[in-house]
Amino acid sequence: MSKFHRKPVTFVGEVSINVLNLADAIAFYEEIIGFRVLEKTNRKAVLTTDGKTPLLTLEQPEDVIPKEGRTSGLYHFALLLPTRADLSVFLRHLLTTQYRFGAADHAVSEALYITDPDGNGIEVYYDRPSSEWEWANGEVKMVTDPLDGNSILAESDAAAWSGLPAGTLMGHIHLHVANLKDTEKFYTSGLGFKVVTRYEGALFTSTGDYHHHIGLNVWNGVGVPTPKKNSVGLNWFTLVYADEEARNKVIGQLKQIGVEAIQNDEGYVITDPSGNEIHLVIN
């Protein structure tokens, strides 16, 4: 497991999204992305790669509506593959299926971008070794350059695709938000994340000097509304804490900035200033 996705680092563990049709969504996430179904009911499916760890939950509300444009919510969730060879196999799979995708070299990582049939964004990526990341004045250098697909394909020898590897992690999440000032205060002063780089209209935050666990942008527009609960898109995501002490510290910090954490059976639930729901859980 990546050192940036285990104790004592705080990281994104699981994401839940709404879809228009559960059966169709399961087919896509199994056949194109490569998940396996861990649990399933009539309107909900929990997906895994290792047969035991939930990474993505699909839900179909009874009154579901298509994804709303120009709102806060999910930009994309990002699946981190264990090796560059795994990214190579996945790239070959996309080329074979002819499913439409984008690609970018971010200096810290190499990434493929896909949109599911309902409009939910997905990134599948591999991290370059952190020793190769460039830092200056507390910020990490990230770029959006063309991806060298031929170099990636050379990492595998037409290996048969058999789904996402068991070591796949939820590497990060990237969100649309209403404004960056309130958002930055919430994620830094409240949740204790550090801003590690900034783009035009966006900021990227992490713990433990990762290139980012949470990306935040206003690219849908400043002041955008929160989407309806029954809209396709983000339901919630989890932040995983090392222990009760670490989580309690954050709950105290949130209280100081006027954010209440609501306790439930699985942990605590909070909502960021743009209506994005976050579950605070323990590793």
C-alpha atoms as a PDB file:
ATOM      1  CA  MET A   1       0.000   0.000   0.000  1.00  0.00           C
ATOM      2  CA  SER A   2       1.134   3.540  -0.756  1.00  0.00           C
ATOM      3  CA  LYS A   3       2.708   5.271   2.245  1.00  0.00           C
ATOM      4  CA  PHE A   4       0.365   8.162   1.514  1.00  0.00           C
ATOM      5  CA  HIS A   5      -2.695   5.962   2.082  1.00  0.00           C
ATOM      6  CA  ARG A   6      -1.992   4.416   5.473  1.00  0.00           C
ATOM      7  CA  LYS A   7      -1.429   5.506   9.075  1.00  0.00           C
ATOM      8  CA  PRO A   8      -0.666   8.163  10.183  1.00  0.00           C
ATOM      9  CA  VAL A   9      -1.750   9.924   6.982  1.00  0.00           C
ATOM     10  CA  THR A  10      -5.398  10.968   6.557  1.00  0.00           C
ATOM     11  CA  PHE A  11      -6.696   9.897   3.151  1.00  0.00           C
ATOM     12  CA  VAL A  12      -9.811   9.240   1.077  1.00  0.00           C
ATOM     13  CA  GLY A  13     -10.994   5.667   1.514  1.00  0.00           C
ATOM     14  CA  GLU A  14     -14.320   5.197  -0.256  1.00  0.00           C
ATOM     15  CA  VAL A  15     -16.663   7.151  -2.527  1.00  0.00           C
ATOM     16  CA  SER A  16     -20.422   6.808  -3.013  1.00  0.00           C
ATOM     17  CA  ILE A  17     -22.186   8.060  -6.146  1.00  0.00           C
ATOM     18  CA  ASN A  18     -25.718   8.088  -7.536  1.00  0.00           C
ATOM     19  CA  VAL A  19     -26.382   6.469 -10.915  1.00  0.00           C
ATOM     20  CA  LEU A  20     -29.414   6.423 -13.191  1.00  0.00           C
ATOM     21  CA  ASN A  21     -29.678   2.655 -13.558  1.00  0.00           C
ATOM     22  CA  LEU A  22     -27.898   0.328 -11.148  1.00  0.00           C
ATOM     23  CA  ALA A  23     -27.680  -2.677 -13.485  1.00  0.00           C
ATOM     24  CA  ASP A  24     -26.212  -0.590 -16.299  1.00  0.00           C
ATOM     25  CA  ALA A  25     -23.769   1.085 -13.920  1.00  0.00           C
ATOM     26  CA  ILE A  26     -22.585  -2.248 -12.500  1.00  0.00           C
ATOM     27  CA  ALA A  27     -21.975  -3.528 -16.021  1.00  0.00           C
ATOM     28  CA  PHE A  28     -19.869  -0.467 -16.848  1.00  0.00           C
ATOM     29  CA  TYR A  29     -17.843  -0.559 -13.633  1.00  0.00           C
ATOM     30  CA  GLU A  30     -17.185  -4.288 -14.009  1.00  0.00           C
ATOM     31  CA  GLU A  31     -16.515  -4.467 -17.752  1.00  0.00           C
ATOM     32  CA  ILE A  32     -14.817  -1.117 -18.444  1.00  0.00           C
ATOM     33  CA  ILE A  33     -13.267  -0.105 -15.114  1.00  0.00           C
ATOM     34  CA  GLY A  34     -12.683  -3.567 -13.658  1.00  0.00           C
ATOM     35  CA  PHE A  35     -14.342  -3.596 -10.242  1.00  0.00           C
ATOM     36  CA  ARG A  36     -15.938  -6.629  -8.602  1.00  0.00           C
ATOM     37  CA  VAL A  37     -19.267  -6.568  -6.745  1.00  0.00           C
ATOM     38  CA  LEU A  38     -18.828  -7.076  -3.009  1.00  0.00           C
ATOM     39  CA  GLU A  39     -22.437  -6.523  -1.898  1.00  0.00           C
ATOM     40  CA  LYS A  40     -25.640  -5.831  -3.802  1.00  0.00           C
ATOM     41  CA  THR A  41     -29.279  -4.948  -3.106  1.00  0.00           C
ATOM     42  CA  ASN A  42     -32.013  -3.732  -5.445  1.00  0.00           C
ATOM     43  CA  ARG A  43     -30.764  -0.148  -5.398  1.00  0.00           C
ATOM     44  CA  LYS A  44     -27.201  -0.315  -4.115  1.00  0.00           C
ATOM     45  CA  ALA A  45     -23.957  -2.069  -5.006  1.00  0.00           C
ATOM     46  CA  VAL A  46     -20.657  -1.954  -3.137  1.00  0.00           C
ATOM     47  CA  LEU A  47     -17.630  -2.461  -5.367  1.00  0.00           C
ATOM     48  CA  THR A  48     -14.176  -3.769  -4.519  1.00  0.00           C
ATOM     49  CA  THR A  49     -10.930  -4.863  -6.149  1.00  0.00           C
ATOM     50  CA  ASP A  50      -9.588  -7.216  -3.470  1.00  0.00           C
ATOM     51  CA  GLY A  51     -12.829  -8.965  -2.505  1.00  0.00           C
ATOM     52  CA  LYS A  52     -13.013  -7.363   0.940  1.00  0.00           C
ATOM     53  CA  THR A  53     -12.367  -3.604   0.874  1.00  0.00           C
ATOM     54  CA  PRO A  54     -15.183  -1.287  -0.327  1.00  0.00           C
ATOM     55  CA  LEU A  55     -13.872   1.406  -2.673  1.00  0.00           C
ATOM     56  CA  LEU A  56     -16.937   2.592  -4.582  1.00  0.00           C
ATOM     57  CA  THR A  57     -20.642   2.401  -3.756  1.00  0.00           C
ATOM     58  CA  LEU A  58     -23.259   2.850  -6.483  1.00  0.00           C
ATOM     59  CA  GLU A  59     -26.771   3.906  -5.506  1.00  0.00           C
ATOM     60  CA  GLN A  60     -29.929   4.358  -7.559  1.00  0.00           C
ATOM     61  CA  PRO A  61     -32.434   6.569  -5.711  1.00  0.00           C
ATOM     62  CA  GLU A  62     -36.066   5.767  -6.469  1.00  0.00           C
ATOM     63  CA  ASP A  63     -36.609   9.258  -7.876  1.00  0.00           C
ATOM     64  CA  VAL A  64     -33.146   9.648  -9.438  1.00  0.00           C
ATOM     65  CA  ILE A  65     -32.608  12.490 -11.911  1.00  0.00           C
ATOM     66  CA  PRO A  66     -29.766  12.997 -14.411  1.00  0.00           C
ATOM     67  CA  LYS A  67     -26.587  14.769 -13.340  1.00  0.00           C
ATOM     68  CA  GLU A  68     -27.208  18.497 -12.926  1.00  0.00           C
ATOM     69  CA  GLY A  69     -24.879  20.911 -14.670  1.00  0.00           C
ATOM     70  CA  ARG A  70     -23.039  23.801 -12.992  1.00  0.00           C
ATOM     71  CA  THR A  71     -23.376  22.634  -9.398  1.00  0.00           C
ATOM     72  CA  SER A  72     -20.950  21.668  -6.669  1.00  0.00           C
ATOM     73  CA  GLY A  73     -20.123  17.995  -6.224  1.00  0.00           C
ATOM     74  CA  LEU A  74     -17.955  15.436  -7.940  1.00  0.00           C
ATOM     75  CA  TYR A  75     -15.402  16.448 -10.572  1.00  0.00           C
ATOM     76  CA  HIS A  76     -13.797  13.020 -10.437  1.00  0.00           C
ATOM     77  CA  PHE A  77     -12.715  10.275  -8.096  1.00  0.00           C
ATOM     78  CA  ALA A  78      -9.285   8.793  -8.753  1.00  0.00           C
ATOM     79  CA  LEU A  79      -8.184   5.171  -8.618  1.00  0.00           C
ATOM     80  CA  LEU A  80      -4.482   4.703  -7.852  1.00  0.00           C
ATOM     81  CA  LEU A  81      -2.894   1.634  -9.439  1.00  0.00           C
ATOM     82  CA  PRO A  82       0.045  -0.152  -7.761  1.00  0.00           C
ATOM     83  CA  THR A  83       2.437  -0.139 -10.747  1.00  0.00           C
ATOM     84  CA  ARG A  84       3.053   1.520 -14.094  1.00  0.00           C
ATOM     85  CA  ALA A  85       2.615  -1.896 -15.694  1.00  0.00           C
ATOM     86  CA  ASP A  86      -0.926  -1.957 -14.263  1.00  0.00           C
ATOM     87  CA  LEU A  87      -1.598   1.382 -15.966  1.00  0.00           C
ATOM     88  CA  SER A  88      -0.224  -0.100 -19.169  1.00  0.00           C
ATOM     89  CA  VAL A  89      -2.614  -3.057 -18.984  1.00  0.00           C
ATOM     90  CA  PHE A  90      -5.532  -0.720 -18.281  1.00  0.00           C
ATOM     91  CA  LEU A  91      -4.592   1.520 -21.219  1.00  0.00           C
ATOM     92  CA  ARG A  92      -4.492  -1.513 -23.534  1.00  0.00           C
ATOM     93  CA  HIS A  93      -7.919  -2.496 -22.233  1.00  0.00           C
ATOM     94  CA  LEU A  94      -9.375   0.944 -23.042  1.00  0.00           C
ATOM     95  CA  LEU A  95      -7.877   0.841 -26.496  1.00  0.00           C
ATOM     96  CA  THR A  96      -9.335  -2.632 -27.047  1.00  0.00           C
ATOM     97  CA  THR A  97     -12.818  -1.653 -25.869  1.00  0.00           C
ATOM     98  CA  GLN A  98     -12.580   1.675 -27.727  1.00  0.00           C
ATOM     99  CA  TYR A  99     -14.142   3.420 -24.747  1.00  0.00           C
ATOM    100  CA  ARG A 100     -13.452   7.140 -24.995  1.00  0.00           C
ATOM    101  CA  PHE A 101     -10.825   8.525 -22.600  1.00  0.00           C
ATOM    102  CA  GLY A 102      -8.449  11.406 -22.001  1.00  0.00           C
ATOM    103  CA  ALA A 103      -4.884  11.370 -20.725  1.00  0.00           C
ATOM    104  CA  ALA A 104      -2.322  13.609 -19.044  1.00  0.00           C
ATOM    105  CA  ASP A 105       1.143  13.617 -17.524  1.00  0.00           C
ATOM    106  CA  HIS A 106       1.035  15.561 -14.250  1.00  0.00           C
ATOM    107  CA  ALA A 107       4.768  15.203 -13.444  1.00  0.00           C
ATOM    108  CA  VAL A 108       3.900  13.527 -10.139  1.00  0.00           C
ATOM    109  CA  SER A 109       1.686  10.992 -11.887  1.00  0.00           C
ATOM    110  CA  GLU A 110       0.445   9.631 -15.202  1.00  0.00           C
ATOM    111  CA  ALA A 111      -3.315   9.580 -15.606  1.00  0.00           C
ATOM    112  CA  LEU A 112      -6.174   8.360 -17.767  1.00  0.00           C
ATOM    113  CA  TYR A 113      -9.575  10.080 -17.567  1.00  0.00           C
ATOM    114  CA  ILE A 114     -12.935   8.467 -18.203  1.00  0.00           C
ATOM    115  CA  THR A 115     -16.539   9.580 -17.766  1.00  0.00           C
ATOM    116  CA  ASP A 116     -19.091   6.932 -16.864  1.00  0.00           C
ATOM    117  CA  PRO A 117     -22.350   6.744 -18.875  1.00  0.00           C
ATOM    118  CA  ASP A 118     -24.095   8.958 -16.300  1.00  0.00           C
ATOM    119  CA  GLY A 119     -21.488  11.726 -16.379  1.00  0.00           C
ATOM    120  CA  ASN A 120     -19.475  10.820 -13.260  1.00  0.00           C
ATOM    121  CA  GLY A 121     -15.765  11.546 -13.716  1.00  0.00           C
ATOM    122  CA  ILE A 122     -13.121   8.887 -13.105  1.00  0.00           C
ATOM    123  CA  GLU A 123      -9.333   9.097 -13.095  1.00  0.00           C
ATOM    124  CA  VAL A 124      -7.142   5.990 -13.195  1.00  0.00           C
ATOM    125  CA  TYR A 125      -3.495   6.775 -12.482  1.00  0.00           C
ATOM    126  CA  TYR A 126      -0.060   5.690 -11.383  1.00  0.00           C
ATOM    127  CA  ASP A 127       2.186   7.748  -9.108  1.00  0.00           C
ATOM    128  CA  ARG A 128       5.777   8.349 -10.024  1.00  0.00           C
ATOM    129  CA  PRO A 129       8.093   7.726  -7.028  1.00  0.00           C
ATOM    130  CA  SER A 130       7.729  10.563  -4.532  1.00  0.00           C
ATOM    131  CA  SER A 131      11.522  11.008  -4.612  1.00  0.00           C
ATOM    132  CA  GLU A 132      11.059  12.378  -8.134  1.00  0.00           C
ATOM    133  CA  TRP A 133       8.430  14.973  -7.189  1.00  0.00           C
ATOM    134  CA  GLU A 134       9.655  18.558  -7.249  1.00  0.00           C
ATOM    135  CA  TRP A 135       8.838  20.781  -4.246  1.00  0.00           C
ATOM    136  CA  ALA A 136       9.493  24.513  -3.865  1.00  0.00           C
ATOM    137  CA  ASN A 137       8.308  26.804  -1.058  1.00  0.00           C
ATOM    138  CA  GLY A 138       6.049  24.098   0.340  1.00  0.00           C
ATOM    139  CA  GLU A 139       4.285  23.425  -2.963  1.00  0.00           C
ATOM    140  CA  VAL A 140       4.621  20.452  -5.270  1.00  0.00           C
ATOM    141  CA  LYS A 141       5.040  20.924  -9.008  1.00  0.00           C
ATOM    142  CA  MET A 142       2.107  19.536 -10.978  1.00  0.00           C
ATOM    143  CA  VAL A 143       1.559  20.090 -14.685  1.00  0.00           C
ATOM    144  CA  THR A 144      -0.858  18.945 -17.376  1.00  0.00           C
ATOM    145  CA  ASP A 145       1.295  17.733 -20.231  1.00  0.00           C
ATOM    146  CA  PRO A 146       0.660  15.173 -22.984  1.00  0.00           C
ATOM    147  CA  LEU A 147       0.963  11.568 -21.835  1.00  0.00           C
ATOM    148  CA  ASP A 148       3.568   9.329 -23.445  1.00  0.00           C
ATOM    149  CA  GLY A 149       1.203   6.471 -24.195  1.00  0.00           C
ATOM    150  CA  ASN A 150       3.769   4.444 -26.122  1.00  0.00           C
ATOM    151  CA  SER A 151       6.118   4.484 -23.150  1.00  0.00           C
ATOM    152  CA  ILE A 152       3.316   3.254 -20.890  1.00  0.00           C
ATOM    153  CA  LEU A 153       2.284   0.516 -23.332  1.00  0.00           C
ATOM    154  CA  ALA A 154       5.885  -0.705 -23.372  1.00  0.00           C
ATOM    155  CA  GLU A 155       5.514  -1.575 -19.674  1.00  0.00           C
ATOM    156  CA  SER A 156       3.328  -4.600 -20.491  1.00  0.00           C
ATOM    157  CA  ASP A 157       3.505  -7.260 -23.139  1.00  0.00           C
ATOM    158  CA  ALA A 158      -0.123  -7.472 -24.241  1.00  0.00           C
ATOM    159  CA  ALA A 159      -0.988  -8.884 -20.826  1.00  0.00           C
ATOM    160  CA  ALA A 160      -4.560 -10.120 -20.591  1.00  0.00           C
ATOM    161  CA  TRP A 161      -6.763  -7.659 -18.731  1.00  0.00           C
ATOM    162  CA  SER A 162      -8.481  -9.185 -15.712  1.00  0.00           C
ATOM    163  CA  GLY A 163      -9.881  -6.127 -13.966  1.00  0.00           C
ATOM    164  CA  LEU A 164      -8.369  -3.695 -11.509  1.00  0.00           C
ATOM    165  CA  PRO A 165      -5.518  -5.183  -9.455  1.00  0.00           C
ATOM    166  CA  ALA A 166      -6.215  -6.032  -5.826  1.00  0.00           C
ATOM    167  CA  GLY A 167      -3.874  -3.293  -4.619  1.00  0.00           C
ATOM    168  CA  THR A 168      -5.883  -0.489  -6.235  1.00  0.00           C
ATOM    169  CA  LEU A 169      -6.644   2.401  -3.850  1.00  0.00           C
ATOM    170  CA  MET A 170      -8.945   5.400  -3.855  1.00  0.00           C
ATOM    171  CA  GLY A 171      -6.036   7.731  -4.474  1.00  0.00           C
ATOM    172  CA  HIS A 172      -7.833  11.072  -4.264  1.00  0.00           C
ATOM    173  CA  ILE A 173     -11.035  12.931  -4.963  1.00  0.00           C
ATOM    174  CA  HIS A 174     -11.541  16.193  -6.859  1.00  0.00           C
ATOM    175  CA  LEU A 175     -14.596  18.337  -6.114  1.00  0.00           C
ATOM    176  CA  HIS A 176     -16.486  21.244  -7.578  1.00  0.00           C
ATOM    177  CA  VAL A 177     -17.057  23.898  -4.892  1.00  0.00           C
ATOM    178  CA  ALA A 178     -18.842  27.237  -4.673  1.00  0.00           C
ATOM    179  CA  ASN A 179     -15.876  29.386  -3.640  1.00  0.00           C
ATOM    180  CA  LEU A 180     -12.263  28.812  -2.717  1.00  0.00           C
ATOM    181  CA  LYS A 181     -11.922  31.122   0.307  1.00  0.00           C
ATOM    182  CA  ASP A 182     -14.475  29.340   2.521  1.00  0.00           C
ATOM    183  CA  THR A 183     -13.400  25.999   1.109  1.00  0.00           C
ATOM    184  CA  GLU A 184      -9.753  26.548   1.970  1.00  0.00           C
ATOM    185  CA  LYS A 185     -10.608  27.490   5.546  1.00  0.00           C
ATOM    186  CA  PHE A 186     -12.784  24.407   5.956  1.00  0.00           C
ATOM    187  CA  TYR A 187     -10.244  21.932   4.608  1.00  0.00           C
ATOM    188  CA  THR A 188      -7.183  23.484   6.258  1.00  0.00           C
ATOM    189  CA  SER A 189      -8.271  25.062   9.567  1.00  0.00           C
ATOM    190  CA  GLY A 190     -11.040  22.499  10.034  1.00  0.00           C
ATOM    191  CA  LEU A 191      -9.894  19.205   8.551  1.00  0.00           C
ATOM    192  CA  GLY A 192      -6.190  19.915   8.929  1.00  0.00           C
ATOM    193  CA  PHE A 193      -5.170  19.426   5.308  1.00  0.00           C
ATOM    194  CA  LYS A 194      -2.357  21.458   3.795  1.00  0.00           C
ATOM    195  CA  VAL A 195      -2.553  23.319   0.486  1.00  0.00           C
ATOM    196  CA  VAL A 196       0.232  21.813  -1.632  1.00  0.00           C
ATOM    197  CA  THR A 197      -0.374  23.565  -4.938  1.00  0.00           C
ATOM    198  CA  ARG A 198      -2.679  26.071  -6.614  1.00  0.00           C
ATOM    199  CA  TYR A 199      -3.992  26.462 -10.140  1.00  0.00           C
ATOM    200  CA  GLU A 200      -6.251  29.095 -11.644  1.00  0.00           C
ATOM    201  CA  GLY A 201      -9.567  28.536  -9.872  1.00  0.00           C
ATOM    202  CA  ALA A 202      -8.361  25.485  -7.966  1.00  0.00           C
ATOM    203  CA  LEU A 203      -6.344  24.325  -4.996  1.00  0.00           C
ATOM    204  CA  PHE A 204      -4.979  20.924  -4.038  1.00  0.00           C
ATOM    205  CA  THR A 205      -4.654  19.669  -0.469  1.00  0.00           C
ATOM    206  CA  SER A 206      -3.097  16.713   1.295  1.00  0.00           C
ATOM    207  CA  THR A 207      -1.670  15.306   4.484  1.00  0.00           C
ATOM    208  CA  GLY A 208       1.725  13.631   4.805  1.00  0.00           C
ATOM    209  CA  ASP A 209       3.171  15.508   1.797  1.00  0.00           C
ATOM    210  CA  TYR A 210       1.154  13.665  -0.834  1.00  0.00           C
ATOM    211  CA  HIS A 211       0.663  15.554  -4.100  1.00  0.00           C
ATOM    212  CA  HIS A 212      -3.051  15.717  -3.251  1.00  0.00           C
ATOM    213  CA  HIS A 213      -5.738  13.748  -1.492  1.00  0.00           C
ATOM    214  CA  ILE A 214      -8.423  16.349  -2.236  1.00  0.00           C
ATOM    215  CA  GLY A 215      -8.613  18.687  -5.208  1.00  0.00           C
ATOM    216  CA  LEU A 216     -11.073  21.611  -5.108  1.00  0.00           C
ATOM    217  CA  ASN A 217     -12.121  23.900  -7.928  1.00  0.00           C
ATOM    218  CA  VAL A 218     -14.632  26.558  -8.975  1.00  0.00           C
ATOM    219  CA  TRP A 219     -14.531  25.589 -12.653  1.00  0.00           C
ATOM    220  CA  ASN A 220     -18.324  25.111 -12.662  1.00  0.00           C
ATOM    221  CA  GLY A 221     -18.657  28.750 -11.574  1.00  0.00           C
ATOM    222  CA  VAL A 222     -18.315  30.757  -8.369  1.00  0.00           C
ATOM    223  CA  GLY A 223     -21.386  30.475  -6.159  1.00  0.00           C
ATOM    224  CA  VAL A 224     -22.797  27.360  -7.816  1.00  0.00           C
ATOM    225  CA  PRO A 225     -25.616  25.632  -5.895  1.00  0.00           C
ATOM    226  CA  THR A 226     -25.518  22.225  -4.230  1.00  0.00           C
ATOM    227  CA  PRO A 227     -27.089  19.531  -6.434  1.00  0.00           C
ATOM    228  CA  LYS A 228     -30.321  17.822  -5.412  1.00  0.00           C
ATOM    229  CA  LYS A 229     -29.939  14.735  -3.229  1.00  0.00           C
ATOM    230  CA  ASN A 230     -31.498  12.522  -5.904  1.00  0.00           C
ATOM    231  CA  SER A 231     -29.246  13.806  -8.688  1.00  0.00           C
ATOM    232  CA  VAL A 232     -26.611  11.620 -10.313  1.00  0.00           C
ATOM    233  CA  GLY A 233     -23.272  12.500  -8.755  1.00  0.00           C
ATOM    234  CA  LEU A 234     -21.575  12.433  -5.389  1.00  0.00           C
ATOM    235  CA  ASN A 235     -23.355  11.116  -2.309  1.00  0.00           C
ATOM    236  CA  TRP A 236     -20.406  11.136   0.081  1.00  0.00           C
ATOM    237  CA  PHE A 237     -16.789  10.160   0.530  1.00  0.00           C
ATOM    238  CA  THR A 238     -14.819   8.976   3.536  1.00  0.00           C
ATOM    239  CA  LEU A 239     -11.748  10.434   5.167  1.00  0.00           C
ATOM    240  CA  VAL A 240      -9.827   7.732   7.010  1.00  0.00           C
ATOM    241  CA  TYR A 241      -8.111   8.675  10.290  1.00  0.00           C
ATOM    242  CA  ALA A 242      -5.362   6.761  12.055  1.00  0.00           C
ATOM    243  CA  ASP A 243      -7.196   6.542  15.385  1.00  0.00           C
ATOM    244  CA  GLU A 244      -9.826   8.076  17.640  1.00  0.00           C
ATOM    245  CA  GLU A 245      -7.410  10.707  18.902  1.00  0.00           C
ATOM    246  CA  ALA A 246      -6.672  11.981  15.406  1.00  0.00           C
ATOM    247  CA  ARG A 247     -10.366  12.120  14.516  1.00  0.00           C
ATOM    248  CA  ASN A 248     -11.327  13.834  17.769  1.00  0.00           C
ATOM    249  CA  LYS A 249      -8.681  16.493  17.147  1.00  0.00           C
ATOM    250  CA  VAL A 250     -10.271  17.271  13.790  1.00  0.00           C
ATOM    251  CA  ILE A 251     -13.786  17.300  15.261  1.00  0.00           C
ATOM    252  CA  GLY A 252     -12.534  19.902  17.751  1.00  0.00           C
ATOM    253  CA  GLN A 253     -10.989  22.000  14.982  1.00  0.00           C
ATOM    254  CA  LEU A 254     -14.227  21.863  13.006  1.00  0.00           C
ATOM    255  CA  LYS A 255     -16.197  23.000  16.042  1.00  0.00           C
ATOM    256  CA  GLN A 256     -13.911  26.019  16.373  1.00  0.00           C
ATOM    257  CA  ILE A 257     -14.860  27.165  12.877  1.00  0.00           C
ATOM    258  CA  GLY A 258     -18.563  26.509  13.451  1.00  0.00           C
ATOM    259  CA  VAL A 259     -18.917  23.090  11.800  1.00  0.00           C
ATOM    260  CA  GLU A 260     -20.829  20.389  13.652  1.00  0.00           C
ATOM    261  CA  ALA A 261     -19.909  16.731  13.214  1.00  0.00           C
ATOM    262  CA  ILE A 262     -22.969  14.462  13.459  1.00  0.00           C
ATOM    263  CA  GLN A 263     -22.301  11.031  14.947  1.00  0.00           C
ATOM    264  CA  ASN A 264     -23.758   7.899  13.366  1.00  0.00           C
ATOM    265  CA  ASP A 265     -23.113   4.148  13.584  1.00  0.00           C
ATOM    266  CA  GLU A 266     -20.044   4.302  11.337  1.00  0.00           C
ATOM    267  CA  GLY A 267     -18.408   7.480  12.624  1.00  0.00           C
ATOM    268  CA  TYR A 268     -19.116  11.167  12.069  1.00  0.00           C
ATOM    269  CA  VAL A 269     -20.669  13.026   9.150  1.00  0.00           C
ATOM    270  CA  ILE A 270     -19.871  16.592   8.129  1.00  0.00           C
ATOM    271  CA  THR A 271     -20.728  18.776   5.143  1.00  0.00           C
ATOM    272  CA  ASP A 272     -18.330  21.207   3.513  1.00  0.00           C
ATOM    273  CA  PRO A 273     -19.436  24.782   2.650  1.00  0.00           C
ATOM    274  CA  SER A 274     -20.544  23.613  -0.817  1.00  0.00           C
ATOM    275  CA  GLY A 275     -22.721  20.753   0.435  1.00  0.00           C
ATOM    276  CA  ASN A 276     -20.260  17.919  -0.197  1.00  0.00           C
ATOM    277  CA  GLU A 277     -20.831  15.211   2.451  1.00  0.00           C
ATOM    278  CA  ILE A 278     -17.825  13.669   4.194  1.00  0.00           C
ATOM    279  CA  HIS A 279     -17.752  10.682   6.548  1.00  0.00           C
ATOM    280  CA  LEU A 280     -14.973  10.691   9.139  1.00  0.00           C
ATOM    281  CA  VAL A 281     -13.964   7.079   9.835  1.00  0.00           C
ATOM    282  CA  ILE A 282     -11.104   5.280  11.600  1.00  0.00           C
ATOM    283  CA  ASN A 283      -8.603   3.068   9.839  1.00  0.00           C
END
